[in-house]
Amino acid sequence: MSVAQPGKWKALAAGVSAVLVGLTLPTAAATPAAATTTAYDDTYYANAIGKTGTALKGSLHTIISNQTKISYSAVWEALKVTDQDPGNSGNVVLLYSGISRSKSLNGGNTGNWNREHVWAQSHGDFGTSAGPGTDLHHLRPEDVQVNSIRGNKDFDLGGSGFTNSGGSLTDSNSFEPRSAVKGDVARMILYMAVRYEGDDAWADLEPNDAVTNGSVPYHGRLSVLKQWNEQDPPSASEQRRNELIYSSYQHNRNPFIDHPEWVEAIW
């Protein structure tokens, strides 16, 4: 988890934008899409800069839909690269648990790690087919039993710990990831909501503020995800992962890792 203070990046970005245009920012305005600058703003994100709301969401959808799809079996090897433990090249770091586990222990047995769909497969019924079912931007390694405990629950605050939880919590209808990856989870869910808009044979995935979504193509809880995005800014490992997926696998990016303030600009 980044040590940046909650909201620091958003306040700084908004202030810089105000100086550049010589205006006083309205107190209730959405953060403008041009508030921060990345290496990709003049190229990859060129058509999104300066937009907000539905216009920004639509532009980002067009940009990130230009994507190379991989097979579900290929996800195994990709995760061994994207989620490699920086302190042990033979291991991966499990998302919810924070445990470092041998890359060779991938599988379906107790003590193994498997492929966790952060946007639950049943929330849109996309399974493991190439597309949302294999999108590395929301697939992460996780302990087999922890993955089962999370199941298809929506994300929210509260619950109790469990074996290998790493600080994550769960109750009857929701799951709260450990603090170090709360923002990561939020940005993965919101990436899926922008990438899959129902125009490519898959369901239109959207965030909402519920924790009882079941098999409908919604995921929650949006108000909490927005808080997590602000409280836990993108870390160096999250940025590295985004770059690897872009350069080596799918050739598309998670825009909310590059521009976390775009969450507020859209929702």
Protein backbone atom coordinates (compact mmCIF):
# COMPACT_ATOMS: atom_id res chain seq x y z
CA MET A 1 0.00 0.00 0.00
CA SER A 2 1.30 3.42 -0.84
CA VAL A 3 2.22 5.66 2.06
CA ALA A 4 0.64 8.64 0.33
CA GLN A 5 -1.92 10.38 2.51
CA PRO A 6 -5.56 9.72 1.55
CA GLY A 7 -6.72 12.16 -1.05
CA LYS A 8 -3.31 13.82 -1.38
CA TRP A 9 -2.94 13.04 -5.07
CA LYS A 10 -6.42 14.37 -5.83
CA ALA A 11 -5.98 17.62 -3.95
CA LEU A 12 -2.59 18.27 -5.52
CA ALA A 13 -3.82 17.48 -9.03
CA ALA A 14 -6.84 19.72 -8.70
CA GLY A 15 -4.71 22.58 -7.42
CA VAL A 16 -2.27 22.34 -10.31
CA SER A 17 -5.12 22.27 -12.81
CA ALA A 18 -6.65 25.41 -11.25
CA VAL A 19 -3.39 27.34 -11.52
CA LEU A 20 -2.90 26.34 -15.14
CA VAL A 21 -6.27 27.64 -16.25
CA GLY A 22 -6.28 30.63 -13.93
CA LEU A 23 -9.61 29.77 -12.36
CA THR A 24 -10.92 29.05 -8.88
CA LEU A 25 -12.17 25.48 -8.68
CA PRO A 26 -15.88 25.11 -7.81
CA THR A 27 -16.20 23.22 -4.55
CA ALA A 28 -18.64 20.59 -5.90
CA ALA A 29 -17.15 20.02 -9.36
CA ALA A 30 -15.92 16.61 -10.52
CA THR A 31 -12.17 16.30 -10.76
CA PRO A 32 -11.27 17.10 -14.39
CA ALA A 33 -9.85 14.30 -16.51
CA ALA A 34 -6.71 16.33 -17.23
CA ALA A 35 -5.88 16.74 -13.54
CA THR A 36 -2.73 14.60 -13.58
CA THR A 37 -0.23 13.73 -16.26
CA THR A 38 1.18 10.34 -17.23
CA ALA A 39 3.59 9.26 -19.95
CA TYR A 40 0.61 8.04 -21.98
CA ASP A 41 -1.56 11.18 -21.97
CA ASP A 42 -0.33 12.45 -25.34
CA THR A 43 -0.66 9.03 -26.97
CA TYR A 44 -2.72 6.25 -25.41
CA TYR A 45 -5.16 8.54 -23.53
CA ALA A 46 -5.13 11.44 -25.98
CA ASN A 47 -8.86 11.14 -26.79
CA ALA A 48 -9.85 11.03 -23.12
CA ILE A 49 -7.99 14.04 -21.77
CA GLY A 50 -10.30 16.90 -20.79
CA LYS A 51 -13.46 14.81 -20.56
CA THR A 52 -15.64 13.89 -17.58
CA GLY A 53 -18.70 11.78 -16.83
CA THR A 54 -20.22 9.60 -19.54
CA ALA A 55 -18.01 11.19 -22.21
CA LEU A 56 -14.88 10.15 -20.32
CA LYS A 57 -16.24 6.66 -19.66
CA GLY A 58 -17.12 6.19 -23.32
CA SER A 59 -13.76 7.42 -24.52
CA LEU A 60 -11.87 5.15 -22.12
CA HIS A 61 -14.03 2.19 -23.17
CA THR A 62 -13.03 2.72 -26.80
CA ILE A 63 -9.36 3.04 -25.85
CA ILE A 64 -9.03 -0.01 -23.59
CA SER A 65 -11.22 -2.27 -25.76
CA ASN A 66 -8.29 -2.51 -28.18
CA GLN A 67 -7.03 -5.56 -26.36
CA THR A 68 -5.24 -8.84 -27.07
CA LYS A 69 -7.20 -11.67 -25.42
CA ILE A 70 -5.41 -14.62 -23.85
CA SER A 71 -6.63 -18.12 -23.01
CA TYR A 72 -7.57 -19.21 -19.50
CA SER A 73 -4.67 -21.67 -19.43
CA ALA A 74 -2.27 -18.87 -20.39
CA VAL A 75 -3.40 -16.94 -17.31
CA TRP A 76 -1.40 -19.33 -15.09
CA GLU A 77 1.94 -18.34 -16.60
CA ALA A 78 1.01 -14.67 -16.90
CA LEU A 79 0.20 -14.40 -13.18
CA LYS A 80 3.60 -15.86 -12.36
CA VAL A 81 5.06 -12.77 -14.01
CA THR A 82 2.58 -10.01 -13.15
CA ASP A 83 2.27 -11.02 -9.48
CA GLN A 84 5.83 -12.17 -8.81
CA ASP A 85 7.06 -11.51 -5.30
CA PRO A 86 9.66 -8.71 -5.65
CA GLY A 87 11.61 -10.30 -2.81
CA ASN A 88 11.53 -13.87 -4.13
CA SER A 89 11.40 -14.50 -7.87
CA GLY A 90 10.21 -18.07 -7.31
CA ASN A 91 7.00 -16.94 -5.62
CA VAL A 92 3.82 -14.99 -6.30
CA VAL A 93 2.06 -12.73 -3.79
CA LEU A 94 -1.55 -13.72 -3.10
CA LEU A 95 -4.01 -10.84 -3.39
CA TYR A 96 -6.25 -11.09 -0.32
CA SER A 97 -3.86 -13.06 1.91
CA GLY A 98 -0.65 -11.19 1.19
CA ILE A 99 1.12 -14.55 1.43
CA SER A 100 4.17 -15.27 -0.74
CA ARG A 101 3.75 -18.74 -2.23
CA SER A 102 5.77 -20.83 -4.67
CA LYS A 103 4.85 -20.33 -8.31
CA SER A 104 4.86 -24.10 -8.71
CA LEU A 105 1.98 -24.52 -6.24
CA ASN A 106 -0.70 -23.44 -8.72
CA GLY A 107 -3.67 -25.79 -8.84
CA GLY A 108 -6.88 -26.72 -7.11
CA ASN A 109 -5.80 -28.46 -3.92
CA THR A 110 -5.50 -27.21 -0.35
CA GLY A 111 -2.24 -25.28 -0.07
CA ASN A 112 -2.29 -24.32 -3.75
CA TRP A 113 -3.05 -20.96 -5.29
CA ASN A 114 -5.51 -20.49 -8.15
CA ARG A 115 -6.94 -17.81 -10.43
CA GLU A 116 -9.24 -15.42 -8.57
CA HIS A 117 -11.73 -13.37 -10.59
CA VAL A 118 -11.98 -10.12 -8.63
CA TRP A 119 -15.09 -9.26 -10.66
CA ALA A 120 -16.88 -12.51 -9.80
CA GLN A 121 -17.63 -14.68 -12.85
CA SER A 122 -21.27 -15.12 -11.87
CA HIS A 123 -21.84 -11.34 -11.92
CA GLY A 124 -22.52 -11.40 -15.64
CA ASP A 125 -22.13 -15.14 -16.26
CA PHE A 126 -18.96 -14.82 -18.36
CA GLY A 127 -17.19 -17.91 -17.03
CA THR A 128 -13.59 -18.47 -18.14
CA SER A 129 -13.90 -17.80 -21.86
CA ALA A 130 -11.41 -15.43 -23.50
CA GLY A 131 -12.61 -11.92 -22.68
CA PRO A 132 -13.81 -10.91 -19.21
CA GLY A 133 -13.12 -14.45 -17.98
CA THR A 134 -9.40 -14.17 -18.81
CA ASP A 135 -8.77 -10.44 -18.41
CA LEU A 136 -5.55 -10.08 -16.43
CA HIS A 137 -6.58 -6.67 -15.15
CA HIS A 138 -8.88 -8.42 -12.65
CA LEU A 139 -7.37 -11.91 -12.36
CA ARG A 140 -5.05 -12.43 -9.41
CA PRO A 141 -3.43 -15.39 -7.60
CA GLU A 142 -5.11 -16.43 -4.36
CA ASP A 143 -5.10 -19.32 -1.93
CA VAL A 144 -7.62 -21.95 -3.03
CA GLN A 145 -9.56 -21.90 0.25
CA VAL A 146 -9.52 -18.11 0.54
CA ASN A 147 -10.79 -17.87 -3.04
CA SER A 148 -13.65 -20.17 -2.08
CA ILE A 149 -14.46 -18.10 1.01
CA ARG A 150 -14.64 -14.94 -1.08
CA GLY A 151 -16.83 -16.76 -3.65
CA ASN A 152 -18.92 -14.24 -5.58
CA LYS A 153 -19.48 -11.81 -2.71
CA ASP A 154 -19.63 -8.09 -3.36
CA PHE A 155 -17.11 -5.82 -1.63
CA ASP A 156 -18.01 -3.89 1.50
CA LEU A 157 -16.79 -3.10 5.01
CA GLY A 158 -17.08 -5.49 7.93
CA GLY A 159 -16.98 -9.14 8.83
CA SER A 160 -14.62 -11.54 10.56
CA GLY A 161 -11.18 -12.92 9.83
CA PHE A 162 -10.47 -16.48 8.69
CA THR A 163 -7.52 -18.79 8.03
CA ASN A 164 -4.90 -17.16 5.79
CA SER A 165 -7.01 -13.99 5.61
CA GLY A 166 -4.02 -11.65 5.86
CA GLY A 167 -6.38 -9.13 7.46
CA SER A 168 -9.22 -9.57 4.98
CA LEU A 169 -12.71 -9.95 6.44
CA THR A 170 -15.95 -11.57 5.35
CA ASP A 171 -19.56 -11.92 6.43
CA SER A 172 -22.64 -13.56 4.94
CA ASN A 173 -22.91 -11.30 1.91
CA SER A 174 -19.72 -9.26 1.49
CA PHE A 175 -15.92 -9.36 1.49
CA GLU A 176 -13.46 -6.74 2.71
CA PRO A 177 -9.89 -7.16 1.37
CA ARG A 178 -6.87 -6.32 3.48
CA SER A 179 -6.03 -2.61 3.64
CA ALA A 180 -2.94 -2.87 1.40
CA VAL A 181 -5.03 -3.87 -1.64
CA LYS A 182 -8.34 -2.09 -1.08
CA GLY A 183 -7.55 0.47 -3.78
CA ASP A 184 -6.29 -2.26 -6.12
CA VAL A 185 -9.62 -4.08 -5.80
CA ALA A 186 -11.60 -0.89 -6.43
CA ARG A 187 -9.62 -0.02 -9.55
CA MET A 188 -9.96 -3.58 -10.91
CA ILE A 189 -13.74 -3.56 -10.46
CA LEU A 190 -14.10 -0.14 -12.09
CA TYR A 191 -11.81 -1.10 -14.97
CA MET A 192 -14.19 -4.00 -15.72
CA ALA A 193 -17.16 -1.64 -15.66
CA VAL A 194 -15.54 0.55 -18.32
CA ARG A 195 -14.04 -2.22 -20.46
CA TYR A 196 -17.20 -4.37 -20.77
CA GLU A 197 -20.16 -2.29 -21.92
CA GLY A 198 -22.29 -4.95 -23.59
CA ASP A 199 -21.11 -4.23 -27.14
CA ASP A 200 -18.87 -7.28 -27.66
CA ALA A 201 -21.09 -10.32 -26.87
CA TRP A 202 -20.52 -9.98 -23.11
CA ALA A 203 -22.84 -8.45 -20.51
CA ASP A 204 -22.73 -4.74 -19.71
CA LEU A 205 -20.86 -4.77 -16.39
CA GLU A 206 -21.65 -1.90 -14.03
CA PRO A 207 -20.93 -0.97 -10.40
CA ASN A 208 -23.81 -0.35 -8.00
CA ASP A 209 -24.23 0.17 -4.27
CA ALA A 210 -25.61 -3.29 -3.43
CA VAL A 211 -24.11 -6.40 -1.81
CA THR A 212 -26.74 -8.84 -3.08
CA ASN A 213 -25.95 -8.87 -6.79
CA GLY A 214 -25.71 -12.63 -7.26
CA SER A 215 -25.78 -13.45 -10.98
CA VAL A 216 -26.73 -10.03 -12.35
CA PRO A 217 -23.95 -8.09 -14.16
CA TYR A 218 -23.39 -5.62 -11.32
CA HIS A 219 -20.79 -5.38 -8.58
CA GLY A 220 -20.76 -3.40 -5.39
CA ARG A 221 -20.48 -1.53 -3.21
CA LEU A 222 -19.63 1.51 -5.35
CA SER A 223 -19.58 4.05 -2.51
CA VAL A 224 -17.07 1.91 -0.61
CA LEU A 225 -14.96 1.21 -3.70
CA LYS A 226 -14.66 4.94 -4.29
CA GLN A 227 -13.42 5.42 -0.73
CA TRP A 228 -10.86 2.64 -1.17
CA ASN A 229 -9.58 4.15 -4.41
CA GLU A 230 -8.86 7.40 -2.57
CA GLN A 231 -7.53 5.88 0.65
CA ASP A 232 -5.15 3.44 -1.08
CA PRO A 233 -3.51 5.15 -4.10
CA PRO A 234 -1.74 3.04 -6.75
CA SER A 235 1.45 1.48 -5.41
CA ALA A 236 4.65 0.80 -7.34
CA SER A 237 3.74 -2.90 -7.61
CA GLU A 238 0.29 -2.07 -8.98
CA GLN A 239 1.82 0.29 -11.54
CA ARG A 240 4.41 -2.34 -12.51
CA ARG A 241 1.64 -4.88 -13.01
CA ASN A 242 -0.33 -2.49 -15.22
CA GLU A 243 2.76 -1.88 -17.34
CA LEU A 244 3.47 -5.61 -17.74
CA ILE A 245 -0.08 -6.37 -18.86
CA TYR A 246 0.13 -3.52 -21.36
CA SER A 247 3.56 -4.32 -22.75
CA SER A 248 3.63 -8.12 -22.66
CA TYR A 249 0.12 -9.56 -22.67
CA GLN A 250 -3.08 -7.63 -23.43
CA HIS A 251 -1.68 -4.32 -24.72
CA ASN A 252 -4.33 -2.34 -22.87
CA ARG A 253 -4.15 -0.47 -19.59
CA ASN A 254 -6.21 0.04 -16.46
CA PRO A 255 -6.83 3.80 -16.69
CA PHE A 256 -7.64 4.11 -13.00
CA ILE A 257 -4.11 3.06 -12.07
CA ASP A 258 -2.72 5.78 -14.35
CA HIS A 259 -5.37 8.32 -13.36
CA PRO A 260 -7.07 7.38 -10.05
CA GLU A 261 -8.90 10.74 -10.05
CA TRP A 262 -10.90 9.54 -13.08
CA VAL A 263 -12.97 7.38 -10.71
CA GLU A 264 -14.49 10.52 -9.22
CA ALA A 265 -14.70 12.16 -12.64
CA ILE A 266 -16.94 9.33 -13.89
CA TRP A 267 -18.85 8.26 -10.75
